[in-house]
Protein backbone atom coordinates (compact mmCIF):
# COMPACT_ATOMS: atom_id res chain seq x y z
CA UNK A 1 0.00 0.00 0.00
CA UNK A 2 1.31 3.45 -0.92
CA UNK A 3 2.18 5.54 2.14
CA UNK A 4 0.50 8.95 2.27
CA UNK A 5 2.68 11.90 3.28
CA UNK A 6 1.37 15.28 4.43
CA UNK A 7 3.54 18.34 3.72
CA UNK A 8 2.61 21.53 5.60
CA UNK A 9 4.71 24.53 4.51
CA UNK A 10 3.99 27.94 3.01
CA UNK A 11 7.11 27.75 0.82
CA UNK A 12 5.26 26.58 -2.30
CA UNK A 13 8.36 26.14 -4.46
CA UNK A 14 10.17 24.03 -1.85
CA UNK A 15 7.12 21.88 -1.12
CA UNK A 16 6.53 21.18 -4.80
CA UNK A 17 10.15 20.11 -5.20
CA UNK A 18 9.88 17.79 -2.20
CA UNK A 19 6.53 16.45 -3.44
CA UNK A 20 7.95 15.62 -6.86
CA UNK A 21 10.84 13.73 -5.27
CA UNK A 22 8.56 11.82 -2.88
CA UNK A 23 6.21 10.87 -5.71
CA UNK A 24 9.17 9.53 -7.68
CA UNK A 25 10.05 7.48 -4.61
CA UNK A 26 6.58 5.92 -4.58
CA UNK A 27 4.76 8.02 -1.99
CA UNK A 28 1.31 9.63 -2.22
CA UNK A 29 1.68 13.28 -1.19
CA UNK A 30 -0.76 15.93 0.06
CA UNK A 31 0.41 19.56 0.18
CA UNK A 32 -1.13 22.38 2.22
CA UNK A 33 0.33 25.82 2.81
CA UNK A 34 -1.12 27.00 6.12
CA UNK A 35 -1.36 25.66 9.63
CA UNK A 36 -5.15 25.41 9.92
CA UNK A 37 -5.35 23.27 6.78
CA UNK A 38 -2.45 21.21 8.06
CA UNK A 39 -4.25 20.35 11.29
CA UNK A 40 -7.44 19.38 9.44
CA UNK A 41 -5.54 17.12 7.06
CA UNK A 42 -3.42 15.57 9.82
CA UNK A 43 -6.43 14.72 11.96
CA UNK A 44 -8.26 13.20 8.99
CA UNK A 45 -6.53 9.92 9.76
CA UNK A 46 -5.41 9.12 6.22
CA UNK A 47 -1.73 10.12 6.36
CA UNK A 48 1.13 8.00 7.66
CA UNK A 49 3.32 10.97 8.61
CA UNK A 50 3.31 14.78 8.53
CA UNK A 51 6.17 17.13 7.73
CA UNK A 52 5.46 20.56 9.26
CA UNK A 53 7.38 23.82 8.86
CA UNK A 54 7.77 25.81 12.07
CA UNK A 55 7.47 29.26 10.49
CA UNK A 56 4.13 29.77 8.72
CA UNK A 57 1.54 32.56 8.49
CA UNK A 58 -1.47 32.20 10.76
CA UNK A 59 -0.83 29.48 13.31
CA UNK A 60 2.77 28.33 13.56
CA UNK A 61 4.09 24.84 13.02
CA UNK A 62 4.56 24.52 16.78
CA UNK A 63 0.83 25.18 17.27
CA UNK A 64 0.02 22.72 14.48
CA UNK A 65 2.05 20.08 16.33
CA UNK A 66 0.37 20.93 19.63
CA UNK A 67 -3.10 20.47 18.11
CA UNK A 68 -2.13 17.22 16.41
CA UNK A 69 -0.74 15.81 19.65
CA UNK A 70 -3.98 16.59 21.51
CA UNK A 71 -5.67 13.71 19.67
CA UNK A 72 -3.17 11.88 17.50
CA UNK A 73 0.15 10.05 17.83
CA UNK A 74 0.90 10.21 14.09
CA UNK A 75 4.62 10.75 13.40
CA UNK A 76 5.56 14.39 12.80
CA UNK A 77 8.83 15.78 11.43
CA UNK A 78 9.43 19.48 12.02
CA UNK A 79 11.27 21.71 9.53
CA UNK A 80 13.21 24.32 11.50
CA UNK A 81 15.53 27.21 10.70
CA UNK A 82 19.14 26.07 10.81
CA UNK A 83 20.66 26.86 14.18
CA UNK A 84 17.34 27.63 15.88
CA UNK A 85 17.66 25.35 18.92
CA UNK A 86 14.64 26.88 20.69
CA UNK A 87 12.14 25.73 18.04
CA UNK A 88 13.73 22.29 17.93
CA UNK A 89 13.59 21.74 21.67
CA UNK A 90 10.05 23.08 22.01
CA UNK A 91 8.94 20.85 19.13
CA UNK A 92 10.57 17.78 20.65
CA UNK A 93 9.04 18.53 24.05
CA UNK A 94 5.60 18.72 22.41
CA UNK A 95 6.09 15.31 20.81
CA UNK A 96 7.77 15.86 17.44
CA UNK A 97 9.46 12.69 16.23
CA UNK A 98 12.38 14.39 14.53
CA UNK A 99 13.44 17.67 12.99
CA UNK A 100 15.23 18.63 9.79
CA UNK A 101 17.00 22.02 9.53
CA UNK A 102 16.19 24.18 6.50
CA UNK A 103 17.38 24.50 3.86
CA UNK A 104 17.24 20.75 3.37
CA UNK A 105 17.41 18.46 0.38
CA UNK A 106 14.48 16.32 -0.70
CA UNK A 107 16.75 13.30 -0.47
CA UNK A 108 17.63 13.96 3.18
CA UNK A 109 14.01 14.55 4.15
CA UNK A 110 12.90 11.40 2.33
CA UNK A 111 15.53 9.38 4.21
CA UNK A 112 14.20 10.71 7.53
CA UNK A 113 10.63 9.89 6.50
CA UNK A 114 11.60 6.34 5.50
CA UNK A 115 13.44 5.78 8.78
CA UNK A 116 10.43 6.79 10.86
CA UNK A 117 7.91 4.85 8.76
CA UNK A 118 10.10 1.76 8.95
CA UNK A 119 10.31 2.11 12.71
CA UNK A 120 6.58 2.55 13.30
CA UNK A 121 5.48 -0.01 10.70
CA UNK A 122 6.23 -3.10 12.73
CA UNK A 123 5.07 -6.66 12.18
CA UNK A 124 1.92 -7.60 14.04
CA UNK A 125 1.03 -11.00 15.38
CA UNK A 126 -1.89 -12.53 17.29
CA UNK A 127 0.35 -13.32 20.26
CA UNK A 128 2.69 -10.34 20.63
CA UNK A 129 5.74 -10.94 22.80
CA UNK A 130 6.38 -8.83 25.85
CA UNK A 131 9.55 -7.21 27.16
CA UNK A 132 9.65 -6.69 30.92
CA UNK A 133 12.08 -4.69 33.01
CA UNK A 134 10.98 -4.07 36.57
CA UNK A 135 7.66 -2.18 36.53
CA UNK A 136 7.92 -1.63 32.78
CA UNK A 137 6.09 -3.82 30.26
CA UNK A 138 6.54 -3.21 26.54
CA UNK A 139 4.92 -4.92 23.55
CA UNK A 140 6.91 -4.15 20.37
CA UNK A 141 4.34 -5.49 17.89
CA UNK A 142 1.50 -3.48 19.40
CA UNK A 143 3.81 -0.53 20.19
CA UNK A 144 2.23 -0.45 23.64
CA UNK A 145 3.77 0.38 27.02
CA UNK A 146 2.61 -0.07 30.61
CA UNK A 147 4.19 1.11 33.85
CA UNK A 148 3.09 -0.76 36.97
CA UNK A 149 0.22 -2.18 34.92
CA UNK A 150 -1.10 1.18 33.73
CA UNK A 151 -0.88 2.17 30.04
CA UNK A 152 1.54 4.95 29.08
CA UNK A 153 1.03 7.10 25.98
CA UNK A 154 4.28 7.68 24.11
CA UNK A 155 5.06 9.24 20.76
CA UNK A 156 6.51 6.91 18.12
CA UNK A 157 10.04 8.20 18.73
CA UNK A 158 9.70 7.92 22.51
CA UNK A 159 8.52 4.34 22.08
CA UNK A 160 11.45 3.55 19.79
CA UNK A 161 13.97 4.91 22.29
CA UNK A 162 12.38 3.09 25.21
CA UNK A 163 12.28 -0.16 23.23
CA UNK A 164 16.03 0.07 22.56
CA UNK A 165 16.68 0.61 26.27
CA UNK A 166 14.30 -2.19 27.27
CA UNK A 167 16.01 -4.66 24.93
CA UNK A 168 19.31 -3.72 26.60
CA UNK A 169 18.03 -3.38 30.19
CA UNK A 170 20.86 -3.22 32.70
CA UNK A 171 23.36 -2.12 30.03
CA UNK A 172 24.47 1.36 29.04
CA UNK A 173 23.37 2.39 25.53
CA UNK A 174 25.24 5.29 23.95
CA UNK A 175 23.37 8.28 22.58
CA UNK A 176 24.66 7.53 19.10
CA UNK A 177 23.40 3.94 19.26
CA UNK A 178 20.03 5.20 20.50
CA UNK A 179 19.85 7.69 17.64
CA UNK A 180 20.82 5.15 14.98
CA UNK A 181 18.48 2.42 16.25
CA UNK A 182 15.48 4.58 17.22
CA UNK A 183 15.74 7.54 14.83
CA UNK A 184 17.47 5.79 11.96
CA UNK A 185 20.34 8.29 11.78
CA UNK A 186 23.64 8.99 13.55
CA UNK A 187 23.67 11.66 16.22
CA UNK A 188 25.19 14.95 15.13
CA UNK A 189 27.36 17.21 17.26
CA UNK A 190 25.43 19.35 19.77
CA UNK A 191 22.21 17.45 18.91
CA UNK A 192 20.00 17.33 22.03
CA UNK A 193 17.17 15.32 20.52
CA UNK A 194 17.91 12.20 22.62
CA UNK A 195 18.16 14.17 25.89
CA UNK A 196 14.85 15.96 25.31
CA UNK A 197 13.01 12.74 24.44
CA UNK A 198 14.49 10.96 27.50
CA UNK A 199 13.29 13.77 29.75
CA UNK A 200 9.77 13.35 28.36
CA UNK A 201 9.83 9.56 28.77
CA UNK A 202 10.96 9.91 32.38
CA UNK A 203 8.09 12.28 33.14
CA UNK A 204 5.55 9.94 31.59
CA UNK A 205 6.83 6.83 33.37
CA UNK A 206 7.27 8.45 36.76
CA UNK A 207 9.67 7.22 39.44
CA UNK A 208 10.28 3.88 41.10
CA UNK A 209 9.34 3.11 44.70
CA UNK A 210 12.46 4.89 45.99
CA UNK A 211 11.77 7.94 43.82
CA UNK A 212 14.52 7.29 41.29
CA UNK A 213 13.88 7.25 37.56
CA UNK A 214 14.09 3.84 35.92
CA UNK A 215 16.20 5.49 33.21
CA UNK A 216 19.63 6.42 34.49
CA UNK A 217 22.03 8.88 32.84
CA UNK A 218 25.57 7.55 32.68
CA UNK A 219 27.75 10.62 32.21
CA UNK A 220 29.71 10.71 28.94
CA UNK A 221 28.43 7.24 28.06
CA UNK A 222 24.66 7.27 27.51
CA UNK A 223 21.52 5.93 29.19
CA UNK A 224 20.58 2.74 30.98
CA UNK A 225 17.20 1.22 31.86
CA UNK A 226 17.32 -0.34 35.32
CA UNK A 227 16.25 -3.99 35.26
CA UNK A 228 14.60 -4.18 38.66
């Protein structure tokens, strides 16, 4: 089945270039050029992923993301101005799955889209296996998580990161390994995407009985999910 991609950006020339490349790569593409239309299309439930520019007339891309996340966990990639760390961090904190600095090439954006779609696609079975680590239960096929028996809502990227940690519970996983396995790309210098997502995951899971987070930061090495 052809994956449907939603592009939300007021830069008509750029979006048309990206659309043409995505179509050549076998995707079905919808283009809109303002935030309100982007939200309506995103919440229509027919698109596999949305690519949203931060800077748009009317409501911003950040507000578009906020409205999408109020009722949908669909993957969202944010297009941000190169070097604008504030927009990137705010977007990640609101649940963006990844960001791509502008100007970007259609090839780079397509690679990011493919990485996320591959990650969230999964293979489903009638008897999904479960990964357990202390109070955490994770079902990769269903992309579901529970903490102390209660369901936890995670974005697709948060789930991917937590799954990598859960599969390596009790072992330190480097930030670069987390980025490559969960985001599908190597971590770049000064990239805080992993740290921001980990902060969000910790907040959603809460602490253990002694108040500690089940996800430990190992300075200059990475992160570790505590087994017990």
